[in-house]
Amino acid sequence: MKRVYNRKRRPPEGFGERLREAIYKSGYSTTQLEKLCNVNHSNISQYMSEEMAPSAWTLASLCKVLKVSADYLLFGKEVY
């Protein structure tokens, strides 16, 4: 049986705005962020426009570099 992967996962609503805000607060440019996280520039643009969700590894990298939690980026608050 052939597996089909949906490469264009959509993030939760508001993810792009929270990511944009975290990038702004970090002081990094998107060019710096793509180098620090080893992510393609077009992918960061798609994350911010909510066209595509990052993989778990990319999300973890973004959170580490931007010093925010995954709960914040995904849901807008700390979830316990």
PDB file of N, CA and C in Angstrom:
ATOM      1  N   MET A   1       0.842  -1.170   0.000  1.00  0.00           N
ATOM      2  CA  MET A   1       0.000   0.000   0.000  1.00  0.00           C
ATOM      3  C   MET A   1       0.895   1.243   0.000  1.00  0.00           C
ATOM      4  N   LYS A   2       0.595   2.179  -0.855  1.00  0.00           N
ATOM      5  CA  LYS A   2       1.378   3.402  -0.978  1.00  0.00           C
ATOM      6  C   LYS A   2       0.896   4.431   0.033  1.00  0.00           C
ATOM      7  N   ARG A   3       1.871   5.021   0.730  1.00  0.00           N
ATOM      8  CA  ARG A   3       1.528   6.066   1.688  1.00  0.00           C
ATOM      9  C   ARG A   3       1.482   7.416   0.989  1.00  0.00           C
ATOM     10  N   VAL A   4       0.502   8.211   1.367  1.00  0.00           N
ATOM     11  CA  VAL A   4       0.363   9.545   0.804  1.00  0.00           C
ATOM     12  C   VAL A   4       0.541  10.542   1.935  1.00  0.00           C
ATOM     13  N   TYR A   5       1.469  11.449   1.757  1.00  0.00           N
ATOM     14  CA  TYR A   5       1.729  12.464   2.774  1.00  0.00           C
ATOM     15  C   TYR A   5       1.232  13.808   2.286  1.00  0.00           C
ATOM     16  N   ASN A   6       0.560  14.498   3.152  1.00  0.00           N
ATOM     17  CA  ASN A   6       0.115  15.848   2.836  1.00  0.00           C
ATOM     18  C   ASN A   6       1.216  16.805   3.266  1.00  0.00           C
ATOM     19  N   ARG A   7       2.010  17.270   2.337  1.00  0.00           N
ATOM     20  CA  ARG A   7       3.159  18.120   2.642  1.00  0.00           C
ATOM     21  C   ARG A   7       2.728  19.540   3.011  1.00  0.00           C
ATOM     22  N   LYS A   8       1.516  19.916   2.715  1.00  0.00           N
ATOM     23  CA  LYS A   8       1.051  21.267   2.999  1.00  0.00           C
ATOM     24  C   LYS A   8       0.112  21.278   4.201  1.00  0.00           C
ATOM     25  N   ARG A   9       0.656  20.891   5.370  1.00  0.00           N
ATOM     26  CA  ARG A   9      -0.142  20.946   6.593  1.00  0.00           C
ATOM     27  C   ARG A   9      -0.395  22.412   6.938  1.00  0.00           C
ATOM     28  N   ARG A  10      -1.553  22.709   7.402  1.00  0.00           N
ATOM     29  CA  ARG A  10      -1.884  24.074   7.814  1.00  0.00           C
ATOM     30  C   ARG A  10      -1.683  24.209   9.321  1.00  0.00           C
ATOM     31  N   PRO A  11      -1.070  25.316   9.741  1.00  0.00           N
ATOM     32  CA  PRO A  11      -0.907  25.545  11.187  1.00  0.00           C
ATOM     33  C   PRO A  11      -2.206  26.061  11.794  1.00  0.00           C
ATOM     34  N   PRO A  12      -2.283  26.065  13.119  1.00  0.00           N
ATOM     35  CA  PRO A  12      -3.470  26.639  13.772  1.00  0.00           C
ATOM     36  C   PRO A  12      -3.606  28.121  13.432  1.00  0.00           C
ATOM     37  N   GLU A  13      -4.824  28.601  13.466  1.00  0.00           N
ATOM     38  CA  GLU A  13      -5.089  30.002  13.158  1.00  0.00           C
ATOM     39  C   GLU A  13      -4.324  30.911  14.118  1.00  0.00           C
ATOM     40  N   GLY A  14      -3.690  31.928  13.591  1.00  0.00           N
ATOM     41  CA  GLY A  14      -2.929  32.874  14.393  1.00  0.00           C
ATOM     42  C   GLY A  14      -1.455  32.525  14.508  1.00  0.00           C
ATOM     43  N   PHE A  15      -1.073  31.345  14.050  1.00  0.00           N
ATOM     44  CA  PHE A  15       0.326  30.912  14.128  1.00  0.00           C
ATOM     45  C   PHE A  15       1.245  31.904  13.425  1.00  0.00           C
ATOM     46  N   GLY A  16       0.869  32.322  12.230  1.00  0.00           N
ATOM     47  CA  GLY A  16       1.714  33.225  11.445  1.00  0.00           C
ATOM     48  C   GLY A  16       1.950  34.552  12.143  1.00  0.00           C
ATOM     49  N   GLU A  17       0.911  35.100  12.733  1.00  0.00           N
ATOM     50  CA  GLU A  17       1.040  36.375  13.437  1.00  0.00           C
ATOM     51  C   GLU A  17       1.911  36.226  14.679  1.00  0.00           C
ATOM     52  N   ARG A  18       1.744  35.134  15.413  1.00  0.00           N
ATOM     53  CA  ARG A  18       2.576  34.908  16.599  1.00  0.00           C
ATOM     54  C   ARG A  18       4.037  34.685  16.205  1.00  0.00           C
ATOM     55  N   LEU A  19       4.261  33.981  15.092  1.00  0.00           N
ATOM     56  CA  LEU A  19       5.624  33.780  14.608  1.00  0.00           C
ATOM     57  C   LEU A  19       6.239  35.111  14.196  1.00  0.00           C
ATOM     58  N   ARG A  20       5.490  35.911  13.476  1.00  0.00           N
ATOM     59  CA  ARG A  20       5.970  37.230  13.038  1.00  0.00           C
ATOM     60  C   ARG A  20       6.343  38.091  14.244  1.00  0.00           C
ATOM     61  N   GLU A  21       5.497  38.067  15.264  1.00  0.00           N
ATOM     62  CA  GLU A  21       5.753  38.837  16.485  1.00  0.00           C
ATOM     63  C   GLU A  21       7.009  38.335  17.203  1.00  0.00           C
ATOM     64  N   ALA A  22       7.166  37.016  17.289  1.00  0.00           N
ATOM     65  CA  ALA A  22       8.341  36.435  17.953  1.00  0.00           C
ATOM     66  C   ALA A  22       9.622  36.791  17.191  1.00  0.00           C
ATOM     67  N   ILE A  23       9.560  36.782  15.878  1.00  0.00           N
ATOM     68  CA  ILE A  23      10.726  37.166  15.074  1.00  0.00           C
ATOM     69  C   ILE A  23      11.067  38.628  15.328  1.00  0.00           C
ATOM     70  N   TYR A  24      10.051  39.479  15.340  1.00  0.00           N
ATOM     71  CA  TYR A  24      10.270  40.907  15.580  1.00  0.00           C
ATOM     72  C   TYR A  24      10.897  41.142  16.954  1.00  0.00           C
ATOM     73  N   LYS A  25      10.347  40.486  17.979  1.00  0.00           N
ATOM     74  CA  LYS A  25      10.863  40.664  19.344  1.00  0.00           C
ATOM     75  C   LYS A  25      12.278  40.115  19.510  1.00  0.00           C
ATOM     76  N   SER A  26      12.623  39.096  18.719  1.00  0.00           N
ATOM     77  CA  SER A  26      13.966  38.504  18.821  1.00  0.00           C
ATOM     78  C   SER A  26      15.038  39.434  18.255  1.00  0.00           C
ATOM     79  N   GLY A  27      14.626  40.306  17.352  1.00  0.00           N
ATOM     80  CA  GLY A  27      15.595  41.192  16.717  1.00  0.00           C
ATOM     81  C   GLY A  27      16.275  40.577  15.499  1.00  0.00           C
ATOM     82  N   TYR A  28      15.935  39.326  15.180  1.00  0.00           N
ATOM     83  CA  TYR A  28      16.505  38.673  14.005  1.00  0.00           C
ATOM     84  C   TYR A  28      15.727  39.053  12.755  1.00  0.00           C
ATOM     85  N   SER A  29      16.416  39.093  11.639  1.00  0.00           N
ATOM     86  CA  SER A  29      15.728  39.224  10.361  1.00  0.00           C
ATOM     87  C   SER A  29      15.335  37.820   9.915  1.00  0.00           C
ATOM     88  N   THR A  30      14.462  37.723   8.941  1.00  0.00           N
ATOM     89  CA  THR A  30      14.088  36.398   8.449  1.00  0.00           C
ATOM     90  C   THR A  30      15.294  35.709   7.801  1.00  0.00           C
ATOM     91  N   THR A  31      16.189  36.485   7.221  1.00  0.00           N
ATOM     92  CA  THR A  31      17.409  35.917   6.629  1.00  0.00           C
ATOM     93  C   THR A  31      18.285  35.304   7.712  1.00  0.00           C
ATOM     94  N   GLN A  32      18.442  35.999   8.832  1.00  0.00           N
ATOM     95  CA  GLN A  32      19.220  35.455   9.941  1.00  0.00           C
ATOM     96  C   GLN A  32      18.543  34.211  10.510  1.00  0.00           C
ATOM     97  N   LEU A  33      17.223  34.264  10.637  1.00  0.00           N
ATOM     98  CA  LEU A  33      16.469  33.139  11.186  1.00  0.00           C
ATOM     99  C   LEU A  33      16.607  31.899  10.313  1.00  0.00           C
ATOM    100  N   GLU A  34      16.536  32.082   9.008  1.00  0.00           N
ATOM    101  CA  GLU A  34      16.650  30.916   8.127  1.00  0.00           C
ATOM    102  C   GLU A  34      18.012  30.256   8.256  1.00  0.00           C
ATOM    103  N   LYS A  35      19.062  31.045   8.472  1.00  0.00           N
ATOM    104  CA  LYS A  35      20.398  30.470   8.654  1.00  0.00           C
ATOM    105  C   LYS A  35      20.526  29.783  10.008  1.00  0.00           C
ATOM    106  N   LEU A  36      20.005  30.405  11.055  1.00  0.00           N
ATOM    107  CA  LEU A  36      20.090  29.827  12.393  1.00  0.00           C
ATOM    108  C   LEU A  36      19.287  28.541  12.526  1.00  0.00           C
ATOM    109  N   CYS A  37      18.160  28.471  11.839  1.00  0.00           N
ATOM    110  CA  CYS A  37      17.278  27.305  11.939  1.00  0.00           C
ATOM    111  C   CYS A  37      17.454  26.331  10.773  1.00  0.00           C
ATOM    112  N   ASN A  38      18.308  26.698   9.819  1.00  0.00           N
ATOM    113  CA  ASN A  38      18.526  25.863   8.633  1.00  0.00           C
ATOM    114  C   ASN A  38      17.207  25.599   7.906  1.00  0.00           C
ATOM    115  N   VAL A  39      16.471  26.695   7.656  1.00  0.00           N
ATOM    116  CA  VAL A  39      15.166  26.628   7.003  1.00  0.00           C
ATOM    117  C   VAL A  39      15.199  27.516   5.759  1.00  0.00           C
ATOM    118  N   ASN A  40      14.569  27.060   4.720  1.00  0.00           N
ATOM    119  CA  ASN A  40      14.479  27.821   3.483  1.00  0.00           C
ATOM    120  C   ASN A  40      13.638  29.084   3.691  1.00  0.00           C
ATOM    121  N   HIS A  41      14.049  30.185   3.065  1.00  0.00           N
ATOM    122  CA  HIS A  41      13.338  31.462   3.222  1.00  0.00           C
ATOM    123  C   HIS A  41      11.877  31.353   2.786  1.00  0.00           C
ATOM    124  N   SER A  42      11.628  30.636   1.712  1.00  0.00           N
ATOM    125  CA  SER A  42      10.238  30.513   1.243  1.00  0.00           C
ATOM    126  C   SER A  42       9.383  29.756   2.264  1.00  0.00           C
ATOM    127  N   ASN A  43       9.991  28.815   3.004  1.00  0.00           N
ATOM    128  CA  ASN A  43       9.233  28.105   4.036  1.00  0.00           C
ATOM    129  C   ASN A  43       8.840  29.040   5.159  1.00  0.00           C
ATOM    130  N   ILE A  44       9.752  29.907   5.589  1.00  0.00           N
ATOM    131  CA  ILE A  44       9.425  30.869   6.652  1.00  0.00           C
ATOM    132  C   ILE A  44       8.278  31.762   6.196  1.00  0.00           C
ATOM    133  N   SER A  45       8.313  32.195   4.949  1.00  0.00           N
ATOM    134  CA  SER A  45       7.218  33.013   4.409  1.00  0.00           C
ATOM    135  C   SER A  45       5.902  32.245   4.440  1.00  0.00           C
ATOM    136  N   GLN A  46       5.954  30.960   4.101  1.00  0.00           N
ATOM    137  CA  GLN A  46       4.731  30.146   4.122  1.00  0.00           C
ATOM    138  C   GLN A  46       4.233  29.922   5.544  1.00  0.00           C
ATOM    139  N   TYR A  47       5.138  29.816   6.513  1.00  0.00           N
ATOM    140  CA  TYR A  47       4.714  29.688   7.914  1.00  0.00           C
ATOM    141  C   TYR A  47       4.008  30.961   8.357  1.00  0.00           C
ATOM    142  N   MET A  48       4.573  32.117   7.997  1.00  0.00           N
ATOM    143  CA  MET A  48       3.988  33.390   8.427  1.00  0.00           C
ATOM    144  C   MET A  48       2.652  33.666   7.746  1.00  0.00           C
ATOM    145  N   SER A  49       2.478  33.191   6.514  1.00  0.00           N
ATOM    146  CA  SER A  49       1.206  33.389   5.821  1.00  0.00           C
ATOM    147  C   SER A  49       0.233  32.242   6.092  1.00  0.00           C
ATOM    148  N   GLU A  50       0.659  31.300   6.931  1.00  0.00           N
ATOM    149  CA  GLU A  50      -0.155  30.145   7.337  1.00  0.00           C
ATOM    150  C   GLU A  50      -0.549  29.259   6.164  1.00  0.00           C
ATOM    151  N   GLU A  51       0.294  29.216   5.142  1.00  0.00           N
ATOM    152  CA  GLU A  51       0.079  28.312   4.015  1.00  0.00           C
ATOM    153  C   GLU A  51       0.592  26.911   4.337  1.00  0.00           C
ATOM    154  N   MET A  52       1.547  26.832   5.265  1.00  0.00           N
ATOM    155  CA  MET A  52       2.166  25.553   5.597  1.00  0.00           C
ATOM    156  C   MET A  52       2.618  25.587   7.049  1.00  0.00           C
ATOM    157  N   ALA A  53       2.501  24.447   7.725  1.00  0.00           N
ATOM    158  CA  ALA A  53       2.979  24.335   9.108  1.00  0.00           C
ATOM    159  C   ALA A  53       4.393  23.761   9.102  1.00  0.00           C
ATOM    160  N   PRO A  54       5.225  24.185  10.043  1.00  0.00           N
ATOM    161  CA  PRO A  54       6.573  23.615  10.120  1.00  0.00           C
ATOM    162  C   PRO A  54       6.533  22.183  10.648  1.00  0.00           C
ATOM    163  N   SER A  55       7.558  21.414  10.304  1.00  0.00           N
ATOM    164  CA  SER A  55       7.682  20.070  10.867  1.00  0.00           C
ATOM    165  C   SER A  55       7.985  20.208  12.356  1.00  0.00           C
ATOM    166  N   ALA A  56       7.908  19.120  13.075  1.00  0.00           N
ATOM    167  CA  ALA A  56       8.195  19.145  14.515  1.00  0.00           C
ATOM    168  C   ALA A  56       9.627  19.613  14.766  1.00  0.00           C
ATOM    169  N   TRP A  57      10.576  19.125  13.962  1.00  0.00           N
ATOM    170  CA  TRP A  57      11.979  19.516  14.127  1.00  0.00           C
ATOM    171  C   TRP A  57      12.169  21.009  13.854  1.00  0.00           C
ATOM    172  N   THR A  58      11.531  21.513  12.819  1.00  0.00           N
ATOM    173  CA  THR A  58      11.650  22.933  12.490  1.00  0.00           C
ATOM    174  C   THR A  58      10.993  23.782  13.565  1.00  0.00           C
ATOM    175  N   LEU A  59       9.836  23.353  14.054  1.00  0.00           N
ATOM    176  CA  LEU A  59       9.153  24.078  15.127  1.00  0.00           C
ATOM    177  C   LEU A  59      10.049  24.164  16.359  1.00  0.00           C
ATOM    178  N   ALA A  60      10.678  23.047  16.712  1.00  0.00           N
ATOM    179  CA  ALA A  60      11.579  23.030  17.870  1.00  0.00           C
ATOM    180  C   ALA A  60      12.745  23.990  17.654  1.00  0.00           C
ATOM    181  N   SER A  61      13.291  24.013  16.465  1.00  0.00           N
ATOM    182  CA  SER A  61      14.401  24.910  16.150  1.00  0.00           C
ATOM    183  C   SER A  61      13.968  26.370  16.226  1.00  0.00           C
ATOM    184  N   LEU A  62      12.805  26.687  15.664  1.00  0.00           N
ATOM    185  CA  LEU A  62      12.282  28.054  15.726  1.00  0.00           C
ATOM    186  C   LEU A  62      12.089  28.491  17.175  1.00  0.00           C
ATOM    187  N   CYS A  63      11.507  27.609  17.989  1.00  0.00           N
ATOM    188  CA  CYS A  63      11.261  27.934  19.395  1.00  0.00           C
ATOM    189  C   CYS A  63      12.565  28.186  20.136  1.00  0.00           C
ATOM    190  N   LYS A  64      13.563  27.366  19.889  1.00  0.00           N
ATOM    191  CA  LYS A  64      14.853  27.520  20.567  1.00  0.00           C
ATOM    192  C   LYS A  64      15.505  28.842  20.197  1.00  0.00           C
ATOM    193  N   VAL A  65      15.553  29.150  18.920  1.00  0.00           N
ATOM    194  CA  VAL A  65      16.201  30.382  18.453  1.00  0.00           C
ATOM    195  C   VAL A  65      15.416  31.620  18.888  1.00  0.00           C
ATOM    196  N   LEU A  66      14.095  31.559  18.792  1.00  0.00           N
ATOM    197  CA  LEU A  66      13.259  32.724  19.122  1.00  0.00           C
ATOM    198  C   LEU A  66      12.952  32.836  20.612  1.00  0.00           C
ATOM    199  N   LYS A  67      13.324  31.791  21.375  1.00  0.00           N
ATOM    200  CA  LYS A  67      13.108  31.771  22.830  1.00  0.00           C
ATOM    201  C   LYS A  67      11.622  31.912  23.192  1.00  0.00           C
ATOM    202  N   VAL A  68      10.812  31.107  22.511  1.00  0.00           N
ATOM    203  CA  VAL A  68       9.384  31.016  22.819  1.00  0.00           C
ATOM    204  C   VAL A  68       9.024  29.536  22.892  1.00  0.00           C
ATOM    205  N   SER A  69       7.895  29.227  23.489  1.00  0.00           N
ATOM    206  CA  SER A  69       7.472  27.834  23.576  1.00  0.00           C
ATOM    207  C   SER A  69       6.653  27.453  22.341  1.00  0.00           C
ATOM    208  N   ALA A  70       6.625  26.167  22.069  1.00  0.00           N
ATOM    209  CA  ALA A  70       5.797  25.665  20.975  1.00  0.00           C
ATOM    210  C   ALA A  70       4.319  25.913  21.286  1.00  0.00           C
ATOM    211  N   ASP A  71       3.953  25.800  22.562  1.00  0.00           N
ATOM    212  CA  ASP A  71       2.567  26.073  22.959  1.00  0.00           C
ATOM    213  C   ASP A  71       2.168  27.492  22.578  1.00  0.00           C
ATOM    214  N   TYR A  72       3.071  28.428  22.788  1.00  0.00           N
ATOM    215  CA  TYR A  72       2.763  29.815  22.440  1.00  0.00           C
ATOM    216  C   TYR A  72       2.577  29.961  20.933  1.00  0.00           C
ATOM    217  N   LEU A  73       3.526  29.446  20.144  1.00  0.00           N
ATOM    218  CA  LEU A  73       3.404  29.600  18.697  1.00  0.00           C
ATOM    219  C   LEU A  73       2.171  28.886  18.147  1.00  0.00           C
ATOM    220  N   LEU A  74       1.889  27.704  18.653  1.00  0.00           N
ATOM    221  CA  LEU A  74       0.777  26.928  18.122  1.00  0.00           C
ATOM    222  C   LEU A  74      -0.584  27.392  18.632  1.00  0.00           C
ATOM    223  N   PHE A  75      -0.664  27.720  19.920  1.00  0.00           N
ATOM    224  CA  PHE A  75      -1.964  27.989  20.532  1.00  0.00           C
ATOM    225  C   PHE A  75      -2.137  29.395  21.099  1.00  0.00           C
ATOM    226  N   GLY A  76      -1.068  30.158  21.172  1.00  0.00           N
ATOM    227  CA  GLY A  76      -1.177  31.526  21.663  1.00  0.00           C
ATOM    228  C   GLY A  76      -1.102  31.673  23.159  1.00  0.00           C
ATOM    229  N   LYS A  77      -0.850  30.576  23.875  1.00  0.00           N
ATOM    230  CA  LYS A  77      -0.751  30.628  25.325  1.00  0.00           C
ATOM    231  C   LYS A  77       0.020  29.407  25.790  1.00  0.00           C
ATOM    232  N   GLU A  78       0.423  29.452  27.012  1.00  0.00           N
ATOM    233  CA  GLU A  78       1.096  28.290  27.615  1.00  0.00           C
ATOM    234  C   GLU A  78       0.030  27.264  27.957  1.00  0.00           C
ATOM    235  N   VAL A  79       0.197  26.052  27.505  1.00  0.00           N
ATOM    236  CA  VAL A  79      -0.758  24.975  27.762  1.00  0.00           C
ATOM    237  C   VAL A  79      -0.081  23.959  28.664  1.00  0.00           C
ATOM    238  N   TYR A  80      -0.779  23.596  29.733  1.00  0.00           N
ATOM    239  CA  TYR A  80      -0.186  22.636  30.686  1.00  0.00           C
ATOM    240  C   TYR A  80      -1.008  21.394  30.750  1.00  0.00           C
TER     241      TYR A  80
END
